[in-house]
Amino acid sequence: MLLAINANNTNVKFGLFEGERMVGDWRIRTESSRTSDEYMVWLSQLLALAGIDRRLITETIIATVVPQALFHLRMFCERHLAAPPLVIGEPGVELGIRVLMDKPNEVGADRLANAVGGHLLYPGPLIIVDFGTATSFDITDAEGNFIGGAIAPGINLSLEALHMATAKLPRIALEPPSRVIGKDTLGAMQSGVYWGYVGLIEGLVSRIAKEFGAPFTTIATGGLAPLFLGATPVIAHLEPEITMKGLVEIHRLNRGLSREKRP
């Protein structure tokens, strides 16, 4: 089995795959100082609850945007699973697509996995809107090449900033409001953030398509993505596992290459 690990700024997600089928997924809050032993104790308990023998895990792949967490995650794979990981962004790791950026090494590993996963699922140019700690717009051309994007503050960051920087605005949870014109402070805050982000999505997608000169298929992913499906016709598909699908495809590609290189 393949264990795919995606470490972002909020959570570390572990997805266990048998072929292309996900048989389990678990999350833990991202803490860069969490040790390999702690990961093993935590995951072993969850695997046991799911009735999965950890010895079935023979291959691993890691994507992380938290460099400080990589050492412990790598040690977890090597020491506890005896399965040295493939790490997105390291030399020799093939993506199957080109990164057409001025500074390719600055592109987050999760965004690259999104591009690979999106091209695997849908033909043509894509915009993948990832509602994470930041809201990122990952853009691929018809061949699946990563051509650029845009990054905006995440929705929860915006809510927290409203609360922290003002004297009277409370901390709230985001919910789709029933109206645009809020009739109280809570309604006004929810409207401003929710419909403001809908406007952000529609505006950026429109400008991206105009600059590129062709229409895009827009995919939503990330924890808050379901809140926006149906709120705007711009978002065509919801794909919550697009990053994991990309990691599985990258692993498949590199496993094939490594086998071809064997004498």
Protein backbone atom coordinates (compact mmCIF):
# COMPACT_ATOMS: atom_id res chain seq x y z
CA MET A 1 0.00 0.00 0.00
CA LEU A 2 0.99 3.62 -0.59
CA LEU A 3 0.83 6.21 2.18
CA ALA A 4 0.48 9.71 0.71
CA ILE A 5 1.23 12.61 3.09
CA ASN A 6 0.27 16.21 2.42
CA ALA A 7 1.54 18.64 5.06
CA ASN A 8 0.07 22.12 4.76
CA ASN A 9 0.05 25.07 7.12
CA THR A 10 -2.99 23.89 9.10
CA ASN A 11 -3.14 20.10 8.92
CA VAL A 12 -1.11 17.10 7.84
CA LYS A 13 -3.27 14.68 5.86
CA PHE A 14 -2.40 11.01 5.54
CA GLY A 15 -4.11 9.06 2.74
CA LEU A 16 -3.69 5.30 2.41
CA PHE A 17 -4.11 3.85 -1.07
CA GLU A 18 -4.51 0.37 -2.45
CA GLY A 19 -3.83 0.99 -6.11
CA GLU A 20 -5.83 4.13 -6.91
CA ARG A 21 -8.48 3.46 -4.24
CA MET A 22 -8.22 5.37 -0.98
CA VAL A 23 -8.85 2.96 1.87
CA GLY A 24 -8.29 5.42 4.70
CA ASP A 25 -7.52 9.05 5.43
CA TRP A 26 -6.63 10.86 8.63
CA ARG A 27 -5.60 14.37 9.66
CA ILE A 28 -3.52 15.82 12.46
CA ARG A 29 -2.83 19.46 13.22
CA THR A 30 0.44 20.69 11.73
CA GLU A 31 3.18 21.17 14.33
CA SER A 32 6.66 21.42 12.88
CA SER A 33 8.21 20.04 16.08
CA ARG A 34 6.07 16.88 16.14
CA THR A 35 8.48 13.94 16.16
CA SER A 36 8.51 10.81 14.00
CA ASP A 37 7.69 8.77 17.12
CA GLU A 38 4.59 10.87 17.78
CA TYR A 39 3.39 10.41 14.20
CA MET A 40 3.87 6.65 14.55
CA VAL A 41 1.97 6.34 17.83
CA TRP A 42 -0.90 8.43 16.48
CA LEU A 43 -1.18 6.67 13.11
CA SER A 44 -0.73 3.18 14.56
CA GLN A 45 -3.77 3.68 16.75
CA LEU A 46 -5.89 4.90 13.84
CA LEU A 47 -4.75 2.04 11.60
CA ALA A 48 -5.60 -0.44 14.34
CA LEU A 49 -9.08 1.07 14.73
CA ALA A 50 -9.54 0.71 10.96
CA GLY A 51 -8.32 -2.91 11.06
CA ILE A 52 -5.34 -2.19 8.82
CA ASP A 53 -1.94 -3.79 9.39
CA ARG A 54 0.71 -1.05 9.15
CA ARG A 55 3.13 -3.60 7.70
CA LEU A 56 1.07 -3.44 4.50
CA ILE A 57 2.44 0.09 3.92
CA THR A 58 5.41 -0.42 1.61
CA GLU A 59 5.67 2.92 -0.22
CA THR A 60 5.33 6.58 0.79
CA ILE A 61 5.20 10.01 -0.82
CA ILE A 62 5.34 13.43 0.84
CA ALA A 63 4.24 16.90 -0.25
CA THR A 64 4.86 19.67 2.25
CA VAL A 65 4.81 23.45 2.36
CA VAL A 66 6.21 23.37 5.91
CA PRO A 67 9.96 22.72 5.49
CA GLN A 68 10.49 22.28 9.24
CA ALA A 69 8.09 19.32 9.28
CA LEU A 70 9.84 17.41 6.49
CA PHE A 71 12.67 16.01 8.64
CA HIS A 72 10.29 14.35 11.10
CA LEU A 73 7.95 13.08 8.38
CA ARG A 74 10.87 11.60 6.46
CA MET A 75 12.16 9.91 9.63
CA PHE A 76 8.68 8.57 10.31
CA CYS A 77 8.58 6.92 6.87
CA GLU A 78 12.14 5.63 6.96
CA ARG A 79 12.43 4.51 10.57
CA HIS A 80 8.93 3.34 11.46
CA LEU A 81 7.56 2.19 8.11
CA ALA A 82 10.84 1.13 6.44
CA ALA A 83 9.53 2.92 3.33
CA PRO A 84 11.79 5.84 2.30
CA PRO A 85 9.55 8.57 0.86
CA LEU A 86 9.41 10.19 -2.52
CA VAL A 87 9.42 13.94 -1.76
CA ILE A 88 7.81 16.38 -4.18
CA GLY A 89 10.27 19.07 -5.23
CA GLU A 90 13.45 17.09 -4.63
CA PRO A 91 15.87 16.52 -7.52
CA GLY A 92 14.98 13.63 -9.78
CA VAL A 93 11.29 13.55 -8.87
CA GLU A 94 9.29 13.68 -12.11
CA LEU A 95 5.88 15.35 -12.20
CA GLY A 96 4.82 14.43 -15.72
CA ILE A 97 4.13 18.13 -16.37
CA ARG A 98 6.28 21.22 -16.82
CA VAL A 99 6.36 24.10 -14.34
CA LEU A 100 6.35 27.21 -16.53
CA MET A 101 7.26 29.70 -13.82
CA ASP A 102 10.11 32.19 -13.48
CA LYS A 103 11.14 30.47 -10.24
CA PRO A 104 9.78 26.89 -10.38
CA ASN A 105 11.36 25.91 -7.06
CA GLU A 106 9.13 28.44 -5.24
CA VAL A 107 5.87 26.70 -6.20
CA GLY A 108 4.31 24.82 -3.29
CA ALA A 109 4.33 21.04 -3.52
CA ASP A 110 0.58 20.89 -2.91
CA ARG A 111 -0.06 23.23 -5.84
CA LEU A 112 2.00 21.00 -8.13
CA ALA A 113 0.07 17.95 -6.95
CA ASN A 114 -3.18 19.85 -7.61
CA ALA A 115 -2.06 20.50 -11.19
CA VAL A 116 -1.21 16.83 -11.76
CA GLY A 117 -4.45 15.63 -10.17
CA GLY A 118 -6.55 18.12 -12.10
CA HIS A 119 -5.04 17.19 -15.46
CA LEU A 120 -5.64 13.54 -14.65
CA LEU A 121 -9.35 14.17 -14.14
CA TYR A 122 -10.29 16.87 -16.66
CA PRO A 123 -9.10 17.81 -20.18
CA GLY A 124 -8.25 21.33 -21.21
CA PRO A 125 -7.04 24.38 -19.29
CA LEU A 126 -7.91 24.37 -15.59
CA ILE A 127 -8.16 26.73 -12.65
CA ILE A 128 -8.02 24.87 -9.35
CA VAL A 129 -9.25 26.99 -6.44
CA ASP A 130 -7.86 25.55 -3.20
CA PHE A 131 -9.62 26.87 -0.10
CA GLY A 132 -6.92 26.29 2.49
CA THR A 133 -5.03 28.49 4.94
CA ALA A 134 -4.52 30.64 1.86
CA THR A 135 -6.91 30.62 -1.10
CA SER A 136 -4.81 29.68 -4.10
CA PHE A 137 -5.69 29.67 -7.79
CA ASP A 138 -3.55 27.05 -9.58
CA ILE A 139 -3.62 27.37 -13.36
CA THR A 140 -2.73 24.71 -15.92
CA ASP A 141 -2.77 24.76 -19.70
CA ALA A 142 -4.31 22.11 -21.96
CA GLU A 143 -1.23 19.90 -21.60
CA GLY A 144 -1.42 20.02 -17.82
CA ASN A 145 1.60 22.30 -17.41
CA PHE A 146 1.55 24.58 -14.38
CA ILE A 147 1.61 28.10 -15.83
CA GLY A 148 1.03 30.27 -12.76
CA GLY A 149 -1.63 31.36 -10.36
CA ALA A 150 -2.80 33.75 -7.70
CA ILE A 151 -2.76 33.55 -3.91
CA ALA A 152 -5.18 35.38 -1.62
CA PRO A 153 -5.64 35.30 2.16
CA GLY A 154 -7.64 32.30 3.32
CA ILE A 155 -11.22 32.75 4.45
CA ASN A 156 -10.52 31.88 8.08
CA LEU A 157 -7.56 34.26 8.09
CA SER A 158 -9.87 37.04 6.93
CA LEU A 159 -12.41 36.24 9.64
CA GLU A 160 -9.69 36.18 12.29
CA ALA A 161 -8.26 39.49 11.04
CA LEU A 162 -11.70 41.14 11.31
CA HIS A 163 -11.99 39.99 14.91
CA MET A 164 -8.42 40.79 15.97
CA ALA A 165 -8.14 44.21 14.36
CA THR A 166 -11.49 45.62 15.48
CA ALA A 167 -12.87 46.40 18.90
CA LYS A 168 -16.47 45.29 18.44
CA LEU A 169 -16.53 42.64 15.71
CA PRO A 170 -16.84 39.12 17.17
CA ARG A 171 -15.14 35.91 16.10
CA ILE A 172 -17.63 34.05 13.89
CA ALA A 173 -17.93 30.83 11.92
CA LEU A 174 -18.46 31.15 8.19
CA GLU A 175 -21.87 30.17 6.88
CA PRO A 176 -23.57 31.03 3.58
CA PRO A 177 -25.85 33.98 4.45
CA SER A 178 -29.41 34.05 3.20
CA ARG A 179 -29.08 37.65 2.04
CA VAL A 180 -26.38 40.03 0.90
CA ILE A 181 -27.58 42.95 3.01
CA GLY A 182 -26.88 41.96 6.59
CA LYS A 183 -29.46 43.04 9.18
CA ASP A 184 -27.10 42.69 12.15
CA THR A 185 -23.35 42.60 12.76
CA LEU A 186 -23.11 38.82 12.37
CA GLY A 187 -25.07 38.88 9.11
CA ALA A 188 -23.00 41.77 7.77
CA MET A 189 -19.73 39.98 8.55
CA GLN A 190 -20.87 36.70 7.02
CA SER A 191 -22.11 38.50 3.91
CA GLY A 192 -18.94 40.51 3.48
CA VAL A 193 -16.66 37.51 3.79
CA TYR A 194 -18.80 34.94 1.94
CA TRP A 195 -20.04 37.05 -0.96
CA GLY A 196 -16.76 38.90 -1.01
CA TYR A 197 -14.98 35.61 -1.70
CA VAL A 198 -17.56 34.70 -4.35
CA GLY A 199 -16.75 38.03 -6.01
CA LEU A 200 -13.03 37.30 -5.65
CA ILE A 201 -13.44 33.93 -7.35
CA GLU A 202 -15.59 35.26 -10.18
CA GLY A 203 -13.37 38.28 -10.76
CA LEU A 204 -10.09 36.38 -10.81
CA VAL A 205 -11.41 33.57 -13.00
CA SER A 206 -12.75 36.13 -15.48
CA ARG A 207 -9.49 38.06 -15.57
CA ILE A 208 -7.38 34.90 -15.86
CA ALA A 209 -9.43 33.65 -18.81
CA LYS A 210 -9.24 37.05 -20.51
CA GLU A 211 -5.46 37.23 -20.06
CA PHE A 212 -4.94 33.63 -21.18
CA GLY A 213 -7.29 34.02 -24.13
CA ALA A 214 -9.33 30.84 -23.61
CA PRO A 215 -11.99 29.53 -21.23
CA PHE A 216 -11.08 27.37 -18.25
CA THR A 217 -12.75 24.61 -16.28
CA THR A 218 -12.74 25.68 -12.64
CA ILE A 219 -12.39 23.11 -9.86
CA ALA A 220 -12.81 23.74 -6.14
CA THR A 221 -10.94 21.83 -3.45
CA GLY A 222 -9.95 22.31 0.18
CA GLY A 223 -11.85 22.19 3.45
CA LEU A 224 -14.21 25.11 2.80
CA ALA A 225 -14.79 24.41 -0.90
CA PRO A 226 -18.23 22.77 -0.39
CA LEU A 227 -19.56 26.09 0.94
CA PHE A 228 -19.05 27.70 -2.46
CA LEU A 229 -20.30 24.96 -4.78
CA GLY A 230 -23.56 26.23 -6.24
CA ALA A 231 -22.94 29.81 -5.08
CA THR A 232 -21.46 30.75 -8.45
CA PRO A 233 -21.62 29.13 -11.90
CA VAL A 234 -17.89 29.77 -12.24
CA ILE A 235 -17.10 26.68 -10.13
CA ALA A 236 -17.88 23.63 -12.24
CA HIS A 237 -16.64 20.77 -10.05
CA LEU A 238 -15.84 19.92 -6.43
CA GLU A 239 -12.84 17.60 -6.05
CA PRO A 240 -11.88 17.29 -2.36
CA GLU A 241 -9.17 14.69 -3.03
CA ILE A 242 -7.47 16.30 -6.01
CA THR A 243 -4.17 16.78 -4.16
CA MET A 244 -4.07 13.15 -3.07
CA LYS A 245 -4.94 11.99 -6.58
CA GLY A 246 -2.02 14.03 -7.84
CA LEU A 247 0.35 12.48 -5.31
CA VAL A 248 -0.72 8.97 -6.30
CA GLU A 249 -0.16 9.78 -9.98
CA ILE A 250 3.27 11.30 -9.30
CA HIS A 251 4.23 8.22 -7.30
CA ARG A 252 3.01 5.93 -10.08
CA LEU A 253 5.05 7.85 -12.64
CA ASN A 254 8.25 7.79 -10.58
CA ARG A 255 7.84 4.16 -9.57
CA GLY A 256 7.69 3.30 -13.26
CA LEU A 257 10.78 5.37 -13.98
CA SER A 258 12.73 3.80 -11.13
CA ARG A 259 11.87 0.33 -12.39
CA GLU A 260 13.00 1.22 -15.92
CA LYS A 261 16.38 2.32 -14.57
CA ARG A 262 17.04 -0.98 -12.84
CA PRO A 263 19.63 -3.24 -14.53
